[in-house]
């Protein structure tokens, strides 16, 4: 699906995004499925098919998704998270391909020594107009 190579072209040399994530090409898809972004506490309930007992992060979850790029910004910045994939059709099987790429912003701090001038001299210089 080449998502990683697309993203490396989107990020410029300064490390910032050259243009919006919306400009990425959407991968092909043919089957619908439900994707749930789960934390570790809800993973076991999802795997055991205990409907109603598990919760998911709505920001990274999608229902009836055939294909798409899902951007997760505010939730899920620490700990482990899992993708739960559910086939909404009990009659037909589906083939699922998932590609995950993370762009993580890292704040860097540095100490800079600034020298304060000991004295400031003012000069009045005449300016001539032409």
N, C-alpha and C. Protein backbone atom coordinates (compact mmCIF):
# COMPACT_ATOMS: atom_id res chain seq x y z
N UNK A 1 0.82 -1.20 0.00
CA UNK A 1 0.00 0.00 0.00
C UNK A 1 0.85 1.26 0.00
N UNK A 2 2.14 1.15 0.35
CA UNK A 2 3.11 2.24 0.25
C UNK A 2 2.77 3.45 1.09
N UNK A 3 2.09 3.29 2.22
CA UNK A 3 1.76 4.44 3.06
C UNK A 3 3.02 5.09 3.62
N UNK A 4 3.98 4.29 4.05
CA UNK A 4 5.21 4.85 4.61
C UNK A 4 5.95 5.70 3.58
N UNK A 5 6.07 5.19 2.35
CA UNK A 5 6.79 5.97 1.33
C UNK A 5 6.02 7.24 0.97
N UNK A 6 4.69 7.19 0.99
CA UNK A 6 3.90 8.40 0.75
C UNK A 6 4.14 9.43 1.85
N UNK A 7 4.21 8.97 3.09
CA UNK A 7 4.41 9.88 4.21
C UNK A 7 5.80 10.50 4.20
N UNK A 8 6.79 9.77 3.79
CA UNK A 8 8.14 10.34 3.75
C UNK A 8 8.23 11.44 2.70
N UNK A 9 7.43 11.38 1.67
CA UNK A 9 7.40 12.46 0.68
C UNK A 9 6.63 13.66 1.20
N UNK A 10 5.67 13.43 2.12
CA UNK A 10 4.85 14.51 2.66
C UNK A 10 5.64 15.34 3.67
N UNK A 11 6.54 14.69 4.41
CA UNK A 11 7.31 15.39 5.44
C UNK A 11 8.53 16.03 4.78
N UNK A 12 8.69 17.33 4.98
CA UNK A 12 9.83 18.01 4.36
C UNK A 12 11.08 17.88 5.23
N UNK A 13 12.17 18.52 4.83
CA UNK A 13 13.46 18.38 5.50
C UNK A 13 13.44 18.91 6.93
N UNK A 14 12.56 19.86 7.26
CA UNK A 14 12.51 20.40 8.61
C UNK A 14 11.78 19.47 9.57
N UNK A 15 11.13 18.44 9.04
CA UNK A 15 10.40 17.51 9.89
C UNK A 15 8.93 17.84 10.02
N UNK A 16 8.47 18.91 9.39
CA UNK A 16 7.06 19.25 9.47
C UNK A 16 6.34 18.76 8.22
N UNK A 17 5.02 18.69 8.31
CA UNK A 17 4.25 18.22 7.16
C UNK A 17 4.22 19.28 6.07
N UNK A 18 4.53 18.88 4.87
CA UNK A 18 4.55 19.81 3.75
C UNK A 18 3.13 20.20 3.34
N UNK A 19 2.20 19.28 3.45
CA UNK A 19 0.79 19.58 3.19
C UNK A 19 -0.05 18.61 4.00
N UNK A 20 -1.35 18.72 3.91
CA UNK A 20 -2.23 17.95 4.77
C UNK A 20 -2.22 16.45 4.51
N UNK A 21 -2.55 15.70 5.54
CA UNK A 21 -2.66 14.24 5.46
C UNK A 21 -3.75 13.86 4.45
N UNK A 22 -4.71 14.75 4.24
CA UNK A 22 -5.80 14.47 3.31
C UNK A 22 -5.31 14.28 1.89
N UNK A 23 -4.11 14.72 1.58
CA UNK A 23 -3.58 14.58 0.23
C UNK A 23 -3.05 13.18 -0.06
N UNK A 24 -3.00 12.31 0.95
CA UNK A 24 -2.54 10.94 0.74
C UNK A 24 -3.56 10.16 -0.07
N UNK A 25 -3.09 9.23 -0.87
CA UNK A 25 -4.01 8.42 -1.66
C UNK A 25 -4.62 7.33 -0.80
N UNK A 26 -5.88 7.10 -1.00
CA UNK A 26 -6.60 6.09 -0.24
C UNK A 26 -6.33 4.71 -0.83
N UNK A 27 -6.01 3.73 0.01
CA UNK A 27 -5.73 2.39 -0.51
C UNK A 27 -6.99 1.73 -1.06
N UNK A 28 -6.83 0.73 -1.93
CA UNK A 28 -8.01 0.05 -2.48
C UNK A 28 -8.68 -0.82 -1.43
N UNK A 29 -9.95 -1.09 -1.61
CA UNK A 29 -10.70 -1.95 -0.70
C UNK A 29 -11.91 -2.54 -1.39
N UNK A 30 -12.33 -3.74 -0.92
CA UNK A 30 -13.47 -4.39 -1.55
C UNK A 30 -14.47 -4.92 -0.53
N UNK A 31 -14.05 -5.12 0.72
CA UNK A 31 -14.93 -5.69 1.75
C UNK A 31 -15.10 -4.69 2.89
N UNK A 32 -16.29 -4.69 3.49
CA UNK A 32 -16.56 -3.82 4.63
C UNK A 32 -16.22 -4.55 5.93
N UNK A 33 -15.67 -3.79 6.89
CA UNK A 33 -15.45 -4.34 8.22
C UNK A 33 -15.53 -3.20 9.23
N UNK A 34 -15.60 -3.56 10.50
CA UNK A 34 -15.59 -2.59 11.58
C UNK A 34 -14.22 -2.66 12.24
N UNK A 35 -13.61 -1.51 12.47
CA UNK A 35 -12.29 -1.42 13.08
C UNK A 35 -12.46 -0.70 14.42
N UNK A 36 -11.97 -1.31 15.49
CA UNK A 36 -12.07 -0.72 16.82
C UNK A 36 -10.67 -0.55 17.40
N UNK A 37 -10.39 0.64 17.92
CA UNK A 37 -9.13 0.91 18.60
C UNK A 37 -9.35 0.63 20.08
N UNK A 38 -8.68 -0.41 20.59
CA UNK A 38 -8.92 -0.91 21.94
C UNK A 38 -7.70 -0.73 22.82
N UNK A 39 -7.93 -0.47 24.10
CA UNK A 39 -6.83 -0.50 25.05
C UNK A 39 -6.68 -1.92 25.58
N UNK A 40 -5.67 -2.16 26.40
CA UNK A 40 -5.38 -3.51 26.89
C UNK A 40 -6.52 -4.07 27.74
N UNK A 41 -7.22 -3.21 28.49
CA UNK A 41 -8.30 -3.67 29.36
C UNK A 41 -9.49 -4.21 28.57
N UNK A 42 -9.74 -3.68 27.39
CA UNK A 42 -10.90 -4.09 26.60
C UNK A 42 -10.56 -5.12 25.52
N UNK A 43 -9.30 -5.39 25.33
CA UNK A 43 -8.88 -6.34 24.29
C UNK A 43 -9.41 -7.75 24.54
N UNK A 44 -9.29 -8.24 25.76
CA UNK A 44 -9.73 -9.61 26.08
C UNK A 44 -11.24 -9.76 25.88
N UNK A 45 -12.01 -8.78 26.31
CA UNK A 45 -13.47 -8.85 26.13
C UNK A 45 -13.85 -8.87 24.66
N UNK A 46 -13.13 -8.10 23.85
CA UNK A 46 -13.39 -8.10 22.41
C UNK A 46 -13.07 -9.46 21.81
N UNK A 47 -11.90 -10.02 22.17
CA UNK A 47 -11.50 -11.32 21.63
C UNK A 47 -12.43 -12.45 22.06
N UNK A 48 -13.00 -12.33 23.25
CA UNK A 48 -13.95 -13.34 23.75
C UNK A 48 -15.38 -13.09 23.26
N UNK A 49 -15.54 -12.09 22.41
CA UNK A 49 -16.84 -11.74 21.80
C UNK A 49 -17.90 -11.46 22.85
N UNK A 50 -17.51 -10.75 23.90
CA UNK A 50 -18.43 -10.35 24.96
C UNK A 50 -19.04 -9.01 24.59
N UNK A 51 -20.06 -9.04 23.74
CA UNK A 51 -20.69 -7.80 23.27
C UNK A 51 -21.23 -6.99 24.43
N UNK A 52 -21.00 -5.69 24.38
CA UNK A 52 -21.48 -4.79 25.42
C UNK A 52 -20.54 -4.66 26.60
N UNK A 53 -19.51 -5.49 26.69
CA UNK A 53 -18.60 -5.43 27.83
C UNK A 53 -17.29 -4.73 27.50
N UNK A 54 -17.07 -4.40 26.25
CA UNK A 54 -15.82 -3.74 25.87
C UNK A 54 -16.10 -2.36 25.30
N UNK A 55 -15.14 -1.47 25.49
CA UNK A 55 -15.24 -0.09 25.01
C UNK A 55 -14.07 0.18 24.07
N UNK A 56 -14.23 1.14 23.19
CA UNK A 56 -13.20 1.47 22.22
C UNK A 56 -13.02 2.98 22.14
N UNK A 57 -11.89 3.41 21.62
CA UNK A 57 -11.61 4.84 21.40
C UNK A 57 -12.28 5.25 20.09
N UNK A 58 -13.22 6.15 20.16
CA UNK A 58 -13.97 6.53 18.96
C UNK A 58 -13.11 7.25 17.93
N UNK A 59 -12.05 7.92 18.36
CA UNK A 59 -11.21 8.67 17.42
C UNK A 59 -10.52 7.76 16.40
N UNK A 60 -10.12 6.58 16.79
CA UNK A 60 -9.42 5.68 15.88
C UNK A 60 -10.26 4.53 15.37
N UNK A 61 -11.55 4.53 15.63
CA UNK A 61 -12.44 3.43 15.25
C UNK A 61 -13.35 3.85 14.11
N UNK A 62 -13.73 2.87 13.27
CA UNK A 62 -14.62 3.13 12.14
C UNK A 62 -15.58 1.96 11.96
N UNK A 63 -16.82 2.25 11.59
CA UNK A 63 -17.80 1.22 11.27
C UNK A 63 -18.01 1.19 9.77
N UNK A 64 -18.24 0.01 9.23
CA UNK A 64 -18.48 -0.18 7.79
C UNK A 64 -17.39 0.49 6.95
N UNK A 65 -16.16 0.23 7.29
CA UNK A 65 -15.03 0.81 6.58
C UNK A 65 -14.56 -0.14 5.50
N UNK A 66 -14.49 0.35 4.29
CA UNK A 66 -13.95 -0.45 3.19
C UNK A 66 -12.48 -0.11 2.98
N UNK A 67 -12.17 1.16 3.06
CA UNK A 67 -10.81 1.63 2.86
C UNK A 67 -10.71 3.03 3.43
N UNK A 68 -9.56 3.37 3.96
CA UNK A 68 -9.42 4.73 4.46
C UNK A 68 -8.12 4.96 5.19
N UNK A 69 -7.85 6.23 5.41
CA UNK A 69 -6.72 6.67 6.20
C UNK A 69 -7.30 7.31 7.45
N UNK A 70 -6.94 6.79 8.60
CA UNK A 70 -7.50 7.26 9.86
C UNK A 70 -6.39 7.94 10.64
N UNK A 71 -6.60 9.20 10.95
CA UNK A 71 -5.61 9.96 11.69
C UNK A 71 -6.02 9.99 13.16
N UNK A 72 -5.11 9.60 14.05
CA UNK A 72 -5.35 9.59 15.49
C UNK A 72 -4.44 10.64 16.10
N UNK A 73 -5.02 11.66 16.72
CA UNK A 73 -4.21 12.76 17.25
C UNK A 73 -4.28 12.88 18.76
N UNK A 74 -5.46 12.83 19.35
CA UNK A 74 -5.62 13.23 20.75
C UNK A 74 -5.58 12.07 21.74
N UNK A 75 -6.07 10.95 21.35
CA UNK A 75 -6.07 9.83 22.29
C UNK A 75 -4.86 8.94 22.04
N UNK A 76 -4.65 8.00 22.92
CA UNK A 76 -3.71 6.90 22.66
C UNK A 76 -2.26 7.34 22.51
N UNK A 77 -1.81 8.26 23.32
CA UNK A 77 -0.43 8.72 23.21
C UNK A 77 0.52 7.96 24.12
N UNK A 78 -0.01 7.11 24.97
CA UNK A 78 0.86 6.29 25.81
C UNK A 78 0.21 4.92 25.99
N UNK A 79 0.97 3.97 26.44
CA UNK A 79 0.53 2.57 26.64
C UNK A 79 0.36 1.86 25.30
N UNK A 80 -0.11 0.62 25.37
CA UNK A 80 -0.32 -0.19 24.17
C UNK A 80 -1.79 -0.15 23.76
N UNK A 81 -2.02 -0.10 22.45
CA UNK A 81 -3.37 -0.14 21.92
C UNK A 81 -3.43 -1.21 20.84
N UNK A 82 -4.63 -1.71 20.58
CA UNK A 82 -4.84 -2.83 19.69
C UNK A 82 -5.95 -2.50 18.72
N UNK A 83 -5.88 -3.10 17.53
CA UNK A 83 -6.96 -2.97 16.56
C UNK A 83 -7.82 -4.22 16.63
N UNK A 84 -9.09 -4.03 16.87
CA UNK A 84 -10.06 -5.12 16.81
C UNK A 84 -10.78 -5.03 15.48
N UNK A 85 -10.77 -6.10 14.70
CA UNK A 85 -11.40 -6.10 13.38
C UNK A 85 -12.58 -7.05 13.43
N UNK A 86 -13.74 -6.54 13.06
CA UNK A 86 -14.97 -7.32 13.14
C UNK A 86 -15.65 -7.35 11.78
N UNK A 87 -16.04 -8.53 11.36
CA UNK A 87 -16.79 -8.70 10.11
C UNK A 87 -18.27 -8.53 10.43
N UNK A 88 -18.93 -7.48 9.92
CA UNK A 88 -20.34 -7.29 10.22
C UNK A 88 -21.27 -8.26 9.48
N UNK A 89 -20.74 -8.98 8.50
CA UNK A 89 -21.54 -9.91 7.71
C UNK A 89 -21.24 -11.33 8.17
N UNK A 90 -22.24 -12.00 8.70
CA UNK A 90 -22.03 -13.37 9.20
C UNK A 90 -22.07 -14.41 8.08
N UNK A 91 -22.43 -14.02 6.87
CA UNK A 91 -22.53 -14.95 5.75
C UNK A 91 -21.24 -15.07 4.95
N UNK A 92 -20.54 -13.95 4.75
CA UNK A 92 -19.36 -13.93 3.89
C UNK A 92 -18.11 -13.56 4.69
N UNK A 93 -17.01 -14.19 4.35
CA UNK A 93 -15.73 -13.84 4.95
C UNK A 93 -15.13 -12.63 4.26
N UNK A 94 -14.15 -12.05 4.88
CA UNK A 94 -13.49 -10.88 4.31
C UNK A 94 -11.98 -11.06 4.37
N UNK A 95 -11.29 -10.38 3.49
CA UNK A 95 -9.83 -10.32 3.52
C UNK A 95 -9.46 -8.92 3.98
N UNK A 96 -8.58 -8.84 4.97
CA UNK A 96 -8.21 -7.54 5.55
C UNK A 96 -6.71 -7.34 5.45
N UNK A 97 -6.31 -6.16 5.02
CA UNK A 97 -4.91 -5.78 5.01
C UNK A 97 -4.80 -4.46 5.77
N UNK A 98 -3.89 -4.41 6.72
CA UNK A 98 -3.73 -3.22 7.56
C UNK A 98 -2.29 -2.76 7.47
N UNK A 99 -2.10 -1.47 7.27
CA UNK A 99 -0.77 -0.87 7.31
C UNK A 99 -0.81 0.27 8.30
N UNK A 100 0.09 0.27 9.25
CA UNK A 100 0.11 1.29 10.30
C UNK A 100 1.44 2.02 10.25
N UNK A 101 1.37 3.33 10.19
CA UNK A 101 2.55 4.18 10.23
C UNK A 101 2.28 5.27 11.25
N UNK A 102 3.25 5.53 12.11
CA UNK A 102 3.10 6.57 13.12
C UNK A 102 4.08 7.70 12.87
N UNK A 103 3.55 8.91 12.90
CA UNK A 103 4.38 10.10 12.89
C UNK A 103 4.26 10.68 14.29
N UNK A 104 5.36 10.71 15.01
CA UNK A 104 5.34 11.13 16.40
C UNK A 104 6.10 12.44 16.53
N UNK A 105 5.43 13.41 17.13
CA UNK A 105 6.08 14.69 17.36
C UNK A 105 6.91 14.60 18.62
N UNK A 106 8.15 15.01 18.52
CA UNK A 106 9.06 14.96 19.65
C UNK A 106 9.55 16.37 19.94
N UNK A 107 9.26 16.85 21.14
CA UNK A 107 9.71 18.18 21.53
C UNK A 107 11.16 18.10 21.99
N UNK A 108 11.98 19.00 21.49
CA UNK A 108 13.38 19.04 21.90
C UNK A 108 13.65 20.39 22.54
N UNK A 109 14.32 20.34 23.68
CA UNK A 109 14.67 21.54 24.40
C UNK A 109 16.18 21.63 24.50
N UNK A 110 16.69 22.83 24.44
CA UNK A 110 18.12 23.02 24.62
C UNK A 110 18.36 24.30 25.39
N UNK A 111 19.46 24.34 26.10
CA UNK A 111 19.83 25.52 26.86
C UNK A 111 20.79 26.35 26.02
N UNK A 112 20.46 27.61 25.88
CA UNK A 112 21.27 28.52 25.08
C UNK A 112 21.78 29.63 25.99
N UNK A 113 23.08 29.87 25.95
CA UNK A 113 23.66 30.93 26.75
C UNK A 113 23.62 32.22 25.94
N UNK A 114 23.01 33.24 26.50
CA UNK A 114 22.88 34.53 25.84
C UNK A 114 23.73 35.53 26.61
N UNK A 115 24.60 36.23 25.91
CA UNK A 115 25.44 37.23 26.56
C UNK A 115 24.73 38.57 26.55
N UNK A 116 24.72 39.21 27.70
CA UNK A 116 24.09 40.51 27.83
C UNK A 116 25.15 41.58 27.59
N UNK A 117 24.86 42.57 26.74
CA UNK A 117 25.87 43.61 26.48
C UNK A 117 26.15 44.43 27.74
N UNK A 118 27.42 44.81 27.93
CA UNK A 118 27.79 45.58 29.11
C UNK A 118 27.44 47.05 28.96
N UNK A 119 27.49 47.56 27.72
CA UNK A 119 27.13 48.96 27.50
C UNK A 119 26.57 49.13 26.10
N UNK A 120 25.76 50.16 25.94
CA UNK A 120 25.15 50.46 24.64
C UNK A 120 25.49 51.90 24.31
N UNK A 121 26.06 52.13 23.15
CA UNK A 121 26.38 53.49 22.70
C UNK A 121 25.37 53.91 21.64
N UNK A 122 24.86 55.12 21.80
CA UNK A 122 23.91 55.66 20.83
C UNK A 122 24.62 56.71 19.99
N UNK A 123 24.42 56.67 18.67
CA UNK A 123 24.95 57.67 17.76
C UNK A 123 23.81 58.23 16.93
N UNK A 124 23.85 59.52 16.73
CA UNK A 124 22.87 60.17 15.87
C UNK A 124 23.55 60.36 14.52
N UNK A 125 22.95 59.79 13.47
CA UNK A 125 23.51 59.84 12.14
C UNK A 125 22.51 60.57 11.23
N UNK A 126 22.96 61.61 10.53
CA UNK A 126 22.04 62.31 9.64
C UNK A 126 21.70 61.43 8.42
N UNK A 127 20.44 61.52 7.99
CA UNK A 127 19.97 60.76 6.83
C UNK A 127 19.59 61.77 5.75
N UNK A 128 20.11 61.57 4.56
CA UNK A 128 19.82 62.47 3.45
C UNK A 128 18.90 61.77 2.46
N UNK A 129 17.83 62.41 2.09
CA UNK A 129 16.91 61.85 1.10
C UNK A 129 17.37 62.14 -0.31
N UNK A 130 17.02 61.28 -1.25
CA UNK A 130 17.42 61.50 -2.63
C UNK A 130 16.25 61.92 -3.48
